Amino acid sequence: MQNCSGWFHDNNYANRVPQTPNDKRSLSALPSPRARVIAFVGVLIAGAAGAAIGYSLVDLQCAGECSVGTGIGLLLGAITGAIGMSVVSVLVLRAVGEWRELADN
């Protein structure tokens, strides 16, 4: 049986390509669990460092009762440090994934 273009249906490209990959490892864009844990710990450390910097910055400039100001400095420093490190972590994890893909080819 022929279609309009003159090719046989059983000579179709989709019929010749195997549907399951031969590779035992499933393809995934996720980095390894160890890399994700290291990135998470890095974000926590950067948040703690940012909190210490924010607290110290306000504490050094303030005289008298400054508990609210030091708390705000601590919070903003922690958030800024954690967000900055999370951006760096995402970029590093993507780069490692690309390096691994290039090494596999």
PDB file of N, CA and C in Angstrom:
ATOM      1  N   MET A   1       0.842  -1.160   0.000  1.00  0.00           N
ATOM      2  CA  MET A   1       0.000   0.000   0.000  1.00  0.00           C
ATOM      3  C   MET A   1       0.898   1.237   0.000  1.00  0.00           C
ATOM      4  N   GLN A   2       0.591   2.195  -0.862  1.00  0.00           N
ATOM      5  CA  GLN A   2       1.391   3.405  -0.969  1.00  0.00           C
ATOM      6  C   GLN A   2       0.562   4.614  -0.574  1.00  0.00           C
ATOM      7  N   ASN A   3       1.272   5.612   0.004  1.00  0.00           N
ATOM      8  CA  ASN A   3       0.569   6.849   0.292  1.00  0.00           C
ATOM      9  C   ASN A   3       0.768   7.817  -0.871  1.00  0.00           C
ATOM     10  N   CYS A   4       0.381   9.056  -0.718  1.00  0.00           N
ATOM     11  CA  CYS A   4       0.428  10.020  -1.813  1.00  0.00           C
ATOM     12  C   CYS A   4       1.847  10.299  -2.284  1.00  0.00           C
ATOM     13  N   SER A   5       2.838  10.221  -1.391  1.00  0.00           N
ATOM     14  CA  SER A   5       4.195  10.542  -1.802  1.00  0.00           C
ATOM     15  C   SER A   5       4.895   9.352  -2.452  1.00  0.00           C
ATOM     16  N   GLY A   6       4.306   8.201  -2.444  1.00  0.00           N
ATOM     17  CA  GLY A   6       4.889   7.044  -3.096  1.00  0.00           C
ATOM     18  C   GLY A   6       5.725   6.164  -2.186  1.00  0.00           C
ATOM     19  N   TRP A   7       5.877   6.504  -0.930  1.00  0.00           N
ATOM     20  CA  TRP A   7       6.659   5.689   0.006  1.00  0.00           C
ATOM     21  C   TRP A   7       5.754   4.666   0.667  1.00  0.00           C
ATOM     22  N   PHE A   8       6.308   3.510   0.976  1.00  0.00           N
ATOM     23  CA  PHE A   8       5.548   2.502   1.705  1.00  0.00           C
ATOM     24  C   PHE A   8       5.439   2.910   3.167  1.00  0.00           C
ATOM     25  N   HIS A   9       4.316   2.568   3.776  1.00  0.00           N
ATOM     26  CA  HIS A   9       4.099   2.919   5.184  1.00  0.00           C
ATOM     27  C   HIS A   9       5.072   2.188   6.095  1.00  0.00           C
ATOM     28  N   ASP A  10       5.436   0.962   5.805  1.00  0.00           N
ATOM     29  CA  ASP A  10       6.328   0.218   6.682  1.00  0.00           C
ATOM     30  C   ASP A  10       7.790   0.643   6.503  1.00  0.00           C
ATOM     31  N   ASN A  11       8.086   1.530   5.556  1.00  0.00           N
ATOM     32  CA  ASN A  11       9.429   2.040   5.361  1.00  0.00           C
ATOM     33  C   ASN A  11       9.566   3.418   6.025  1.00  0.00           C
ATOM     34  N   ASN A  12       8.711   3.687   6.964  1.00  0.00           N
ATOM     35  CA  ASN A  12       8.679   4.968   7.646  1.00  0.00           C
ATOM     36  C   ASN A  12       9.849   5.068   8.627  1.00  0.00           C
ATOM     37  N   TYR A  13      10.422   6.267   8.766  1.00  0.00           N
ATOM     38  CA  TYR A  13      11.552   6.489   9.663  1.00  0.00           C
ATOM     39  C   TYR A  13      11.182   6.169  11.106  1.00  0.00           C
ATOM     40  N   ALA A  14       9.971   6.538  11.521  1.00  0.00           N
ATOM     41  CA  ALA A  14       9.547   6.308  12.901  1.00  0.00           C
ATOM     42  C   ALA A  14       9.482   4.821  13.229  1.00  0.00           C
ATOM     43  N   ASN A  15       9.254   3.984  12.260  1.00  0.00           N
ATOM     44  CA  ASN A  15       9.202   2.547  12.507  1.00  0.00           C
ATOM     45  C   ASN A  15      10.596   1.949  12.671  1.00  0.00           C
ATOM     46  N   ARG A  16      11.610   2.602  12.116  1.00  0.00           N
ATOM     47  CA  ARG A  16      12.967   2.069  12.199  1.00  0.00           C
ATOM     48  C   ARG A  16      13.725   2.536  13.429  1.00  0.00           C
ATOM     49  N   VAL A  17      13.307   3.627  14.046  1.00  0.00           N
ATOM     50  CA  VAL A  17      14.017   4.177  15.201  1.00  0.00           C
ATOM     51  C   VAL A  17      13.508   3.489  16.462  1.00  0.00           C
ATOM     52  N   PRO A  18      14.425   2.952  17.278  1.00  0.00           N
ATOM     53  CA  PRO A  18      13.964   2.323  18.525  1.00  0.00           C
ATOM     54  C   PRO A  18      13.402   3.372  19.479  1.00  0.00           C
ATOM     55  N   GLN A  19      12.358   3.023  20.184  1.00  0.00           N
ATOM     56  CA  GLN A  19      11.686   3.956  21.075  1.00  0.00           C
ATOM     57  C   GLN A  19      12.345   4.035  22.453  1.00  0.00           C
ATOM     58  N   THR A  20      13.108   3.027  22.833  1.00  0.00           N
ATOM     59  CA  THR A  20      13.779   3.042  24.125  1.00  0.00           C
ATOM     60  C   THR A  20      15.273   3.184  23.901  1.00  0.00           C
ATOM     61  N   PRO A  21      15.940   4.043  24.679  1.00  0.00           N
ATOM     62  CA  PRO A  21      17.383   4.187  24.521  1.00  0.00           C
ATOM     63  C   PRO A  21      18.115   2.953  25.018  1.00  0.00           C
ATOM     64  N   ASN A  22      19.277   2.714  24.451  1.00  0.00           N
ATOM     65  CA  ASN A  22      20.076   1.560  24.844  1.00  0.00           C
ATOM     66  C   ASN A  22      20.852   1.821  26.127  1.00  0.00           C
ATOM     67  N   ASP A  23      20.979   3.065  26.509  1.00  0.00           N
ATOM     68  CA  ASP A  23      21.737   3.435  27.691  1.00  0.00           C
ATOM     69  C   ASP A  23      20.980   3.004  28.945  1.00  0.00           C
ATOM     70  N   LYS A  24      21.680   2.399  29.893  1.00  0.00           N
ATOM     71  CA  LYS A  24      21.055   1.947  31.139  1.00  0.00           C
ATOM     72  C   LYS A  24      20.703   3.136  32.043  1.00  0.00           C
ATOM     73  N   ARG A  25      21.500   4.203  31.981  1.00  0.00           N
ATOM     74  CA  ARG A  25      21.275   5.367  32.819  1.00  0.00           C
ATOM     75  C   ARG A  25      20.178   6.228  32.204  1.00  0.00           C
ATOM     76  N   SER A  26      19.208   6.612  33.013  1.00  0.00           N
ATOM     77  CA  SER A  26      18.151   7.474  32.502  1.00  0.00           C
ATOM     78  C   SER A  26      18.676   8.902  32.409  1.00  0.00           C
ATOM     79  N   LEU A  27      18.267   9.611  31.377  1.00  0.00           N
ATOM     80  CA  LEU A  27      18.707  10.981  31.181  1.00  0.00           C
ATOM     81  C   LEU A  27      17.930  11.898  32.112  1.00  0.00           C
ATOM     82  N   SER A  28      18.648  12.804  32.762  1.00  0.00           N
ATOM     83  CA  SER A  28      18.022  13.724  33.688  1.00  0.00           C
ATOM     84  C   SER A  28      18.809  15.025  33.712  1.00  0.00           C
ATOM     85  N   ALA A  29      18.098  16.112  33.873  1.00  0.00           N
ATOM     86  CA  ALA A  29      18.751  17.414  33.985  1.00  0.00           C
ATOM     87  C   ALA A  29      19.142  17.721  35.423  1.00  0.00           C
ATOM     88  N   LEU A  30      18.737  16.868  36.352  1.00  0.00           N
ATOM     89  CA  LEU A  30      19.058  17.106  37.755  1.00  0.00           C
ATOM     90  C   LEU A  30      20.520  16.800  38.045  1.00  0.00           C
ATOM     91  N   PRO A  31      21.176  17.646  38.823  1.00  0.00           N
ATOM     92  CA  PRO A  31      22.534  17.310  39.248  1.00  0.00           C
ATOM     93  C   PRO A  31      22.488  16.190  40.287  1.00  0.00           C
ATOM     94  N   SER A  32      23.636  15.645  40.614  1.00  0.00           N
ATOM     95  CA  SER A  32      23.682  14.549  41.573  1.00  0.00           C
ATOM     96  C   SER A  32      23.221  15.029  42.945  1.00  0.00           C
ATOM     97  N   PRO A  33      22.720  14.123  43.767  1.00  0.00           N
ATOM     98  CA  PRO A  33      22.274  14.528  45.102  1.00  0.00           C
ATOM     99  C   PRO A  33      23.410  15.142  45.935  1.00  0.00           C
ATOM    100  N   ARG A  34      24.611  14.633  45.782  1.00  0.00           N
ATOM    101  CA  ARG A  34      25.750  15.187  46.515  1.00  0.00           C
ATOM    102  C   ARG A  34      26.001  16.648  46.124  1.00  0.00           C
ATOM    103  N   ALA A  35      25.916  16.951  44.837  1.00  0.00           N
ATOM    104  CA  ALA A  35      26.117  18.320  44.373  1.00  0.00           C
ATOM    105  C   ALA A  35      25.017  19.238  44.896  1.00  0.00           C
ATOM    106  N   ARG A  36      23.786  18.740  44.955  1.00  0.00           N
ATOM    107  CA  ARG A  36      22.690  19.553  45.474  1.00  0.00           C
ATOM    108  C   ARG A  36      22.847  19.829  46.961  1.00  0.00           C
ATOM    109  N   VAL A  37      23.322  18.828  47.713  1.00  0.00           N
ATOM    110  CA  VAL A  37      23.545  19.020  49.152  1.00  0.00           C
ATOM    111  C   VAL A  37      24.666  20.030  49.380  1.00  0.00           C
ATOM    112  N   ILE A  38      25.744  19.924  48.608  1.00  0.00           N
ATOM    113  CA  ILE A  38      26.849  20.882  48.739  1.00  0.00           C
ATOM    114  C   ILE A  38      26.365  22.296  48.421  1.00  0.00           C
ATOM    115  N   ALA A  39      25.542  22.442  47.378  1.00  0.00           N
ATOM    116  CA  ALA A  39      25.011  23.764  47.029  1.00  0.00           C
ATOM    117  C   ALA A  39      24.114  24.304  48.140  1.00  0.00           C
ATOM    118  N   PHE A  40      23.300  23.449  48.729  1.00  0.00           N
ATOM    119  CA  PHE A  40      22.410  23.874  49.810  1.00  0.00           C
ATOM    120  C   PHE A  40      23.204  24.323  51.030  1.00  0.00           C
ATOM    121  N   VAL A  41      24.236  23.556  51.376  1.00  0.00           N
ATOM    122  CA  VAL A  41      25.083  23.931  52.510  1.00  0.00           C
ATOM    123  C   VAL A  41      25.786  25.260  52.217  1.00  0.00           C
ATOM    124  N   GLY A  42      26.209  25.458  50.979  1.00  0.00           N
ATOM    125  CA  GLY A  42      26.823  26.726  50.599  1.00  0.00           C
ATOM    126  C   GLY A  42      25.871  27.898  50.768  1.00  0.00           C
ATOM    127  N   VAL A  43      24.608  27.707  50.426  1.00  0.00           N
ATOM    128  CA  VAL A  43      23.608  28.769  50.594  1.00  0.00           C
ATOM    129  C   VAL A  43      23.407  29.062  52.083  1.00  0.00           C
ATOM    130  N   LEU A  44      23.378  28.014  52.905  1.00  0.00           N
ATOM    131  CA  LEU A  44      23.236  28.227  54.348  1.00  0.00           C
ATOM    132  C   LEU A  44      24.424  28.985  54.930  1.00  0.00           C
ATOM    133  N   ILE A  45      25.636  28.606  54.515  1.00  0.00           N
ATOM    134  CA  ILE A  45      26.834  29.288  55.009  1.00  0.00           C
ATOM    135  C   ILE A  45      26.851  30.747  54.558  1.00  0.00           C
ATOM    136  N   ALA A  46      26.490  31.004  53.307  1.00  0.00           N
ATOM    137  CA  ALA A  46      26.454  32.384  52.810  1.00  0.00           C
ATOM    138  C   ALA A  46      25.391  33.196  53.542  1.00  0.00           C
ATOM    139  N   GLY A  47      24.268  32.583  53.860  1.00  0.00           N
ATOM    140  CA  GLY A  47      23.237  33.281  54.625  1.00  0.00           C
ATOM    141  C   GLY A  47      23.713  33.629  56.021  1.00  0.00           C
ATOM    142  N   ALA A  48      24.424  32.701  56.656  1.00  0.00           N
ATOM    143  CA  ALA A  48      24.965  32.967  57.988  1.00  0.00           C
ATOM    144  C   ALA A  48      26.026  34.065  57.934  1.00  0.00           C
ATOM    145  N   ALA A  49      26.877  34.031  56.924  1.00  0.00           N
ATOM    146  CA  ALA A  49      27.903  35.066  56.774  1.00  0.00           C
ATOM    147  C   ALA A  49      27.256  36.425  56.502  1.00  0.00           C
ATOM    148  N   GLY A  50      26.241  36.457  55.666  1.00  0.00           N
ATOM    149  CA  GLY A  50      25.524  37.704  55.392  1.00  0.00           C
ATOM    150  C   GLY A  50      24.843  38.242  56.638  1.00  0.00           C
ATOM    151  N   ALA A  51      24.292  37.342  57.456  1.00  0.00           N
ATOM    152  CA  ALA A  51      23.665  37.773  58.701  1.00  0.00           C
ATOM    153  C   ALA A  51      24.699  38.392  59.633  1.00  0.00           C
ATOM    154  N   ALA A  52      25.875  37.770  59.735  1.00  0.00           N
ATOM    155  CA  ALA A  52      26.932  38.313  60.595  1.00  0.00           C
ATOM    156  C   ALA A  52      27.406  39.677  60.092  1.00  0.00           C
ATOM    157  N   ILE A  53      27.543  39.815  58.789  1.00  0.00           N
ATOM    158  CA  ILE A  53      27.973  41.094  58.213  1.00  0.00           C
ATOM    159  C   ILE A  53      26.910  42.168  58.436  1.00  0.00           C
ATOM    160  N   GLY A  54      25.640  41.839  58.198  1.00  0.00           N
ATOM    161  CA  GLY A  54      24.561  42.807  58.404  1.00  0.00           C
ATOM    162  C   GLY A  54      24.446  43.234  59.855  1.00  0.00           C
ATOM    163  N   TYR A  55      24.549  42.282  60.765  1.00  0.00           N
ATOM    164  CA  TYR A  55      24.485  42.606  62.201  1.00  0.00           C
ATOM    165  C   TYR A  55      25.651  43.504  62.602  1.00  0.00           C
ATOM    166  N   SER A  56      26.853  43.127  62.166  1.00  0.00           N
ATOM    167  CA  SER A  56      28.049  43.903  62.531  1.00  0.00           C
ATOM    168  C   SER A  56      28.004  45.315  61.959  1.00  0.00           C
ATOM    169  N   LEU A  57      27.536  45.437  60.733  1.00  0.00           N
ATOM    170  CA  LEU A  57      27.474  46.735  60.082  1.00  0.00           C
ATOM    171  C   LEU A  57      26.573  47.696  60.847  1.00  0.00           C
ATOM    172  N   VAL A  58      25.407  47.234  61.255  1.00  0.00           N
ATOM    173  CA  VAL A  58      24.477  48.086  61.992  1.00  0.00           C
ATOM    174  C   VAL A  58      24.979  48.307  63.424  1.00  0.00           C
ATOM    175  N   ASP A  59      25.532  47.275  64.035  1.00  0.00           N
ATOM    176  CA  ASP A  59      26.001  47.375  65.412  1.00  0.00           C
ATOM    177  C   ASP A  59      27.148  48.380  65.551  1.00  0.00           C
ATOM    178  N   LEU A  60      28.025  48.419  64.564  1.00  0.00           N
ATOM    179  CA  LEU A  60      29.148  49.366  64.613  1.00  0.00           C
ATOM    180  C   LEU A  60      28.707  50.812  64.431  1.00  0.00           C
ATOM    181  N   GLN A  61      27.621  51.029  63.714  1.00  0.00           N
ATOM    182  CA  GLN A  61      27.181  52.399  63.420  1.00  0.00           C
ATOM    183  C   GLN A  61      26.163  52.931  64.413  1.00  0.00           C
ATOM    184  N   CYS A  62      25.642  52.075  65.246  1.00  0.00           N
ATOM    185  CA  CYS A  62      24.551  52.473  66.136  1.00  0.00           C
ATOM    186  C   CYS A  62      25.080  52.647  67.570  1.00  0.00           C
ATOM    187  N   ALA A  63      24.563  53.660  68.267  1.00  0.00           N
ATOM    188  CA  ALA A  63      24.899  53.879  69.672  1.00  0.00           C
ATOM    189  C   ALA A  63      23.620  53.820  70.491  1.00  0.00           C
ATOM    190  N   GLY A  64      23.674  53.156  71.632  1.00  0.00           N
ATOM    191  CA  GLY A  64      22.491  53.058  72.490  1.00  0.00           C
ATOM    192  C   GLY A  64      21.710  51.787  72.196  1.00  0.00           C
ATOM    193  N   GLU A  65      20.384  51.888  72.326  1.00  0.00           N
ATOM    194  CA  GLU A  65      19.503  50.733  72.107  1.00  0.00           C
ATOM    195  C   GLU A  65      19.227  50.560  70.618  1.00  0.00           C
ATOM    196  N   CYS A  66      19.766  49.506  70.039  1.00  0.00           N
ATOM    197  CA  CYS A  66      19.658  49.289  68.582  1.00  0.00           C
ATOM    198  C   CYS A  66      19.201  47.879  68.235  1.00  0.00           C
ATOM    199  N   SER A  67      18.389  47.275  69.064  1.00  0.00           N
ATOM    200  CA  SER A  67      18.015  45.881  68.819  1.00  0.00           C
ATOM    201  C   SER A  67      17.196  45.715  67.535  1.00  0.00           C
ATOM    202  N   VAL A  68      16.313  46.663  67.263  1.00  0.00           N
ATOM    203  CA  VAL A  68      15.507  46.574  66.037  1.00  0.00           C
ATOM    204  C   VAL A  68      16.394  46.771  64.805  1.00  0.00           C
ATOM    205  N   GLY A  69      17.278  47.745  64.871  1.00  0.00           N
ATOM    206  CA  GLY A  69      18.171  48.000  63.736  1.00  0.00           C
ATOM    207  C   GLY A  69      19.120  46.854  63.469  1.00  0.00           C
ATOM    208  N   THR A  70      19.689  46.284  64.542  1.00  0.00           N
ATOM    209  CA  THR A  70      20.599  45.146  64.336  1.00  0.00           C
ATOM    210  C   THR A  70      19.827  43.927  63.832  1.00  0.00           C
ATOM    211  N   GLY A  71      18.598  43.759  64.290  1.00  0.00           N
ATOM    212  CA  GLY A  71      17.775  42.644  63.790  1.00  0.00           C
ATOM    213  C   GLY A  71      17.455  42.794  62.312  1.00  0.00           C
ATOM    214  N   ILE A  72      17.140  44.013  61.904  1.00  0.00           N
ATOM    215  CA  ILE A  72      16.862  44.274  60.482  1.00  0.00           C
ATOM    216  C   ILE A  72      18.131  44.079  59.656  1.00  0.00           C
ATOM    217  N   GLY A  73      19.262  44.550  60.163  1.00  0.00           N
ATOM    218  CA  GLY A  73      20.531  44.340  59.465  1.00  0.00           C
ATOM    219  C   GLY A  73      20.868  42.869  59.342  1.00  0.00           C
ATOM    220  N   LEU A  74      20.622  42.128  60.423  1.00  0.00           N
ATOM    221  CA  LEU A  74      20.856  40.679  60.408  1.00  0.00           C
ATOM    222  C   LEU A  74      19.974  40.001  59.366  1.00  0.00           C
ATOM    223  N   LEU A  75      18.696  40.337  59.355  1.00  0.00           N
ATOM    224  CA  LEU A  75      17.754  39.714  58.426  1.00  0.00           C
ATOM    225  C   LEU A  75      18.075  40.060  56.968  1.00  0.00           C
ATOM    226  N   LEU A  76      18.311  41.336  56.694  1.00  0.00           N
ATOM    227  CA  LEU A  76      18.611  41.742  55.313  1.00  0.00           C
ATOM    228  C   LEU A  76      19.942  41.166  54.837  1.00  0.00           C
ATOM    229  N   GLY A  77      20.920  41.109  55.729  1.00  0.00           N
ATOM    230  CA  GLY A  77      22.203  40.507  55.368  1.00  0.00           C
ATOM    231  C   GLY A  77      22.072  39.024  55.058  1.00  0.00           C
ATOM    232  N   ALA A  78      21.290  38.315  55.867  1.00  0.00           N
ATOM    233  CA  ALA A  78      21.086  36.881  55.639  1.00  0.00           C
ATOM    234  C   ALA A  78      20.364  36.626  54.324  1.00  0.00           C
ATOM    235  N   ILE A  79      19.334  37.408  54.061  1.00  0.00           N
ATOM    236  CA  ILE A  79      18.574  37.229  52.815  1.00  0.00           C
ATOM    237  C   ILE A  79      19.441  37.554  51.604  1.00  0.00           C
ATOM    238  N   THR A  80      20.181  38.650  51.687  1.00  0.00           N
ATOM    239  CA  THR A  80      21.035  39.035  50.556  1.00  0.00           C
ATOM    240  C   THR A  80      22.113  37.998  50.296  1.00  0.00           C
ATOM    241  N   GLY A  81      22.757  37.526  51.359  1.00  0.00           N
ATOM    242  CA  GLY A  81      23.802  36.502  51.195  1.00  0.00           C
ATOM    243  C   GLY A  81      23.255  35.206  50.626  1.00  0.00           C
ATOM    244  N   ALA A  82      22.097  34.774  51.126  1.00  0.00           N
ATOM    245  CA  ALA A  82      21.510  33.519  50.656  1.00  0.00           C
ATOM    246  C   ALA A  82      21.052  33.621  49.202  1.00  0.00           C
ATOM    247  N   ILE A  83      20.453  34.736  48.827  1.00  0.00           N
ATOM    248  CA  ILE A  83      20.003  34.897  47.437  1.00  0.00           C
ATOM    249  C   ILE A  83      21.199  34.949  46.497  1.00  0.00           C
ATOM    250  N   GLY A  84      22.230  35.680  46.876  1.00  0.00           N
ATOM    251  CA  GLY A  84      23.422  35.754  46.031  1.00  0.00           C
ATOM    252  C   GLY A  84      24.074  34.401  45.841  1.00  0.00           C
ATOM    253  N   MET A  85      24.197  33.641  46.916  1.00  0.00           N
ATOM    254  CA  MET A  85      24.815  32.322  46.806  1.00  0.00           C
ATOM    255  C   MET A  85      23.919  31.349  46.057  1.00  0.00           C
ATOM    256  N   SER A  86      22.615  31.494  46.157  1.00  0.00           N
ATOM    257  CA  SER A  86      21.728  30.588  45.408  1.00  0.00           C
ATOM    258  C   SER A  86      21.858  30.818  43.909  1.00  0.00           C
ATOM    259  N   VAL A  87      22.032  32.072  43.493  1.00  0.00           N
ATOM    260  CA  VAL A  87      22.251  32.358  42.069  1.00  0.00           C
ATOM    261  C   VAL A  87      23.563  31.713  41.601  1.00  0.00           C
ATOM    262  N   VAL A  88      24.605  31.875  42.399  1.00  0.00           N
ATOM    263  CA  VAL A  88      25.893  31.273  42.053  1.00  0.00           C
ATOM    264  C   VAL A  88      25.779  29.749  42.011  1.00  0.00           C
ATOM    265  N   SER A  89      25.056  29.167  42.968  1.00  0.00           N
ATOM    266  CA  SER A  89      24.897  27.706  43.008  1.00  0.00           C
ATOM    267  C   SER A  89      24.180  27.178  41.775  1.00  0.00           C
ATOM    268  N   VAL A  90      23.126  27.863  41.361  1.00  0.00           N
ATOM    269  CA  VAL A  90      22.389  27.428  40.168  1.00  0.00           C
ATOM    270  C   VAL A  90      23.287  27.484  38.942  1.00  0.00           C
ATOM    271  N   LEU A  91      24.051  28.545  38.806  1.00  0.00           N
ATOM    272  CA  LEU A  91      24.944  28.663  37.651  1.00  0.00           C
ATOM    273  C   LEU A  91      26.019  27.587  37.662  1.00  0.00           C
ATOM    274  N   VAL A  92      26.567  27.301  38.825  1.00  0.00           N
ATOM    275  CA  VAL A  92      27.601  26.266  38.929  1.00  0.00           C
ATOM    276  C   VAL A  92      27.016  24.885  38.633  1.00  0.00           C
ATOM    277  N   LEU A  93      25.840  24.584  39.164  1.00  0.00           N
ATOM    278  CA  LEU A  93      25.227  23.284  38.913  1.00  0.00           C
ATOM    279  C   LEU A  93      24.895  23.102  37.432  1.00  0.00           C
ATOM    280  N   ARG A  94      24.458  24.158  36.769  1.00  0.00           N
ATOM    281  CA  ARG A  94      24.199  24.064  35.323  1.00  0.00           C
ATOM    282  C   ARG A  94      25.486  23.860  34.543  1.00  0.00           C
ATOM    283  N   ALA A  95      26.549  24.564  34.949  1.00  0.00           N
ATOM    284  CA  ALA A  95      27.831  24.400  34.261  1.00  0.00           C
ATOM    285  C   ALA A  95      28.369  22.988  34.435  1.00  0.00           C
ATOM    286  N   VAL A  96      28.241  22.427  35.635  1.00  0.00           N
ATOM    287  CA  VAL A  96      28.695  21.056  35.871  1.00  0.00           C
ATOM    288  C   VAL A  96      27.889  20.084  35.018  1.00  0.00           C
ATOM    289  N   GLY A  97      26.590  20.324  34.892  1.00  0.00           N
ATOM    290  CA  GLY A  97      25.767  19.465  34.041  1.00  0.00           C
ATOM    291  C   GLY A  97      26.192  19.523  32.584  1.00  0.00           C
ATOM    292  N   GLU A  98      26.537  20.722  32.097  1.00  0.00           N
ATOM    293  CA  GLU A  98      27.001  20.848  30.714  1.00  0.00           C
ATOM    294  C   GLU A  98      28.359  20.184  30.526  1.00  0.00           C
ATOM    295  N   TRP A  99      29.252  20.328  31.514  1.00  0.00           N
ATOM    296  CA  TRP A  99      30.562  19.681  31.413  1.00  0.00           C
ATOM    297  C   TRP A  99      30.406  18.168  31.374  1.00  0.00           C
ATOM    298  N   ARG A 100      29.488  17.667  32.192  1.00  0.00           N
ATOM    299  CA  ARG A 100      29.270  16.209  32.236  1.00  0.00           C
ATOM    300  C   ARG A 100      28.692  15.717  30.907  1.00  0.00           C
ATOM    301  N   GLU A 101      27.784  16.519  30.319  1.00  0.00           N
ATOM    302  CA  GLU A 101      27.209  16.151  29.020  1.00  0.00           C
ATOM    303  C   GLU A 101      28.279  16.127  27.926  1.00  0.00           C
ATOM    304  N   LEU A 102      29.165  17.113  27.950  1.00  0.00           N
ATOM    305  CA  LEU A 102      30.258  17.139  26.965  1.00  0.00           C
ATOM    306  C   LEU A 102      31.220  15.988  27.174  1.00  0.00           C
ATOM    307  N   ALA A 103      31.459  15.605  28.408  1.00  0.00           N
ATOM    308  CA  ALA A 103      32.365  14.484  28.699  1.00  0.00           C
ATOM    309  C   ALA A 103      31.754  13.154  28.251  1.00  0.00           C
ATOM    310  N   ASP A 104      30.424  13.051  28.326  1.00  0.00           N
ATOM    311  CA  ASP A 104      29.758  11.816  27.898  1.00  0.00           C
ATOM    312  C   ASP A 104      29.804  11.639  26.394  1.00  0.00           C
ATOM    313  N   ASN A 105      29.853  12.739  25.651  1.00  0.00           N
ATOM    314  CA  ASN A 105      29.874  12.655  24.184  1.00  0.00           C
ATOM    315  C   ASN A 105      31.263  12.479  23.749  1.00  0.00           C
TER     316      ASN A 105
END
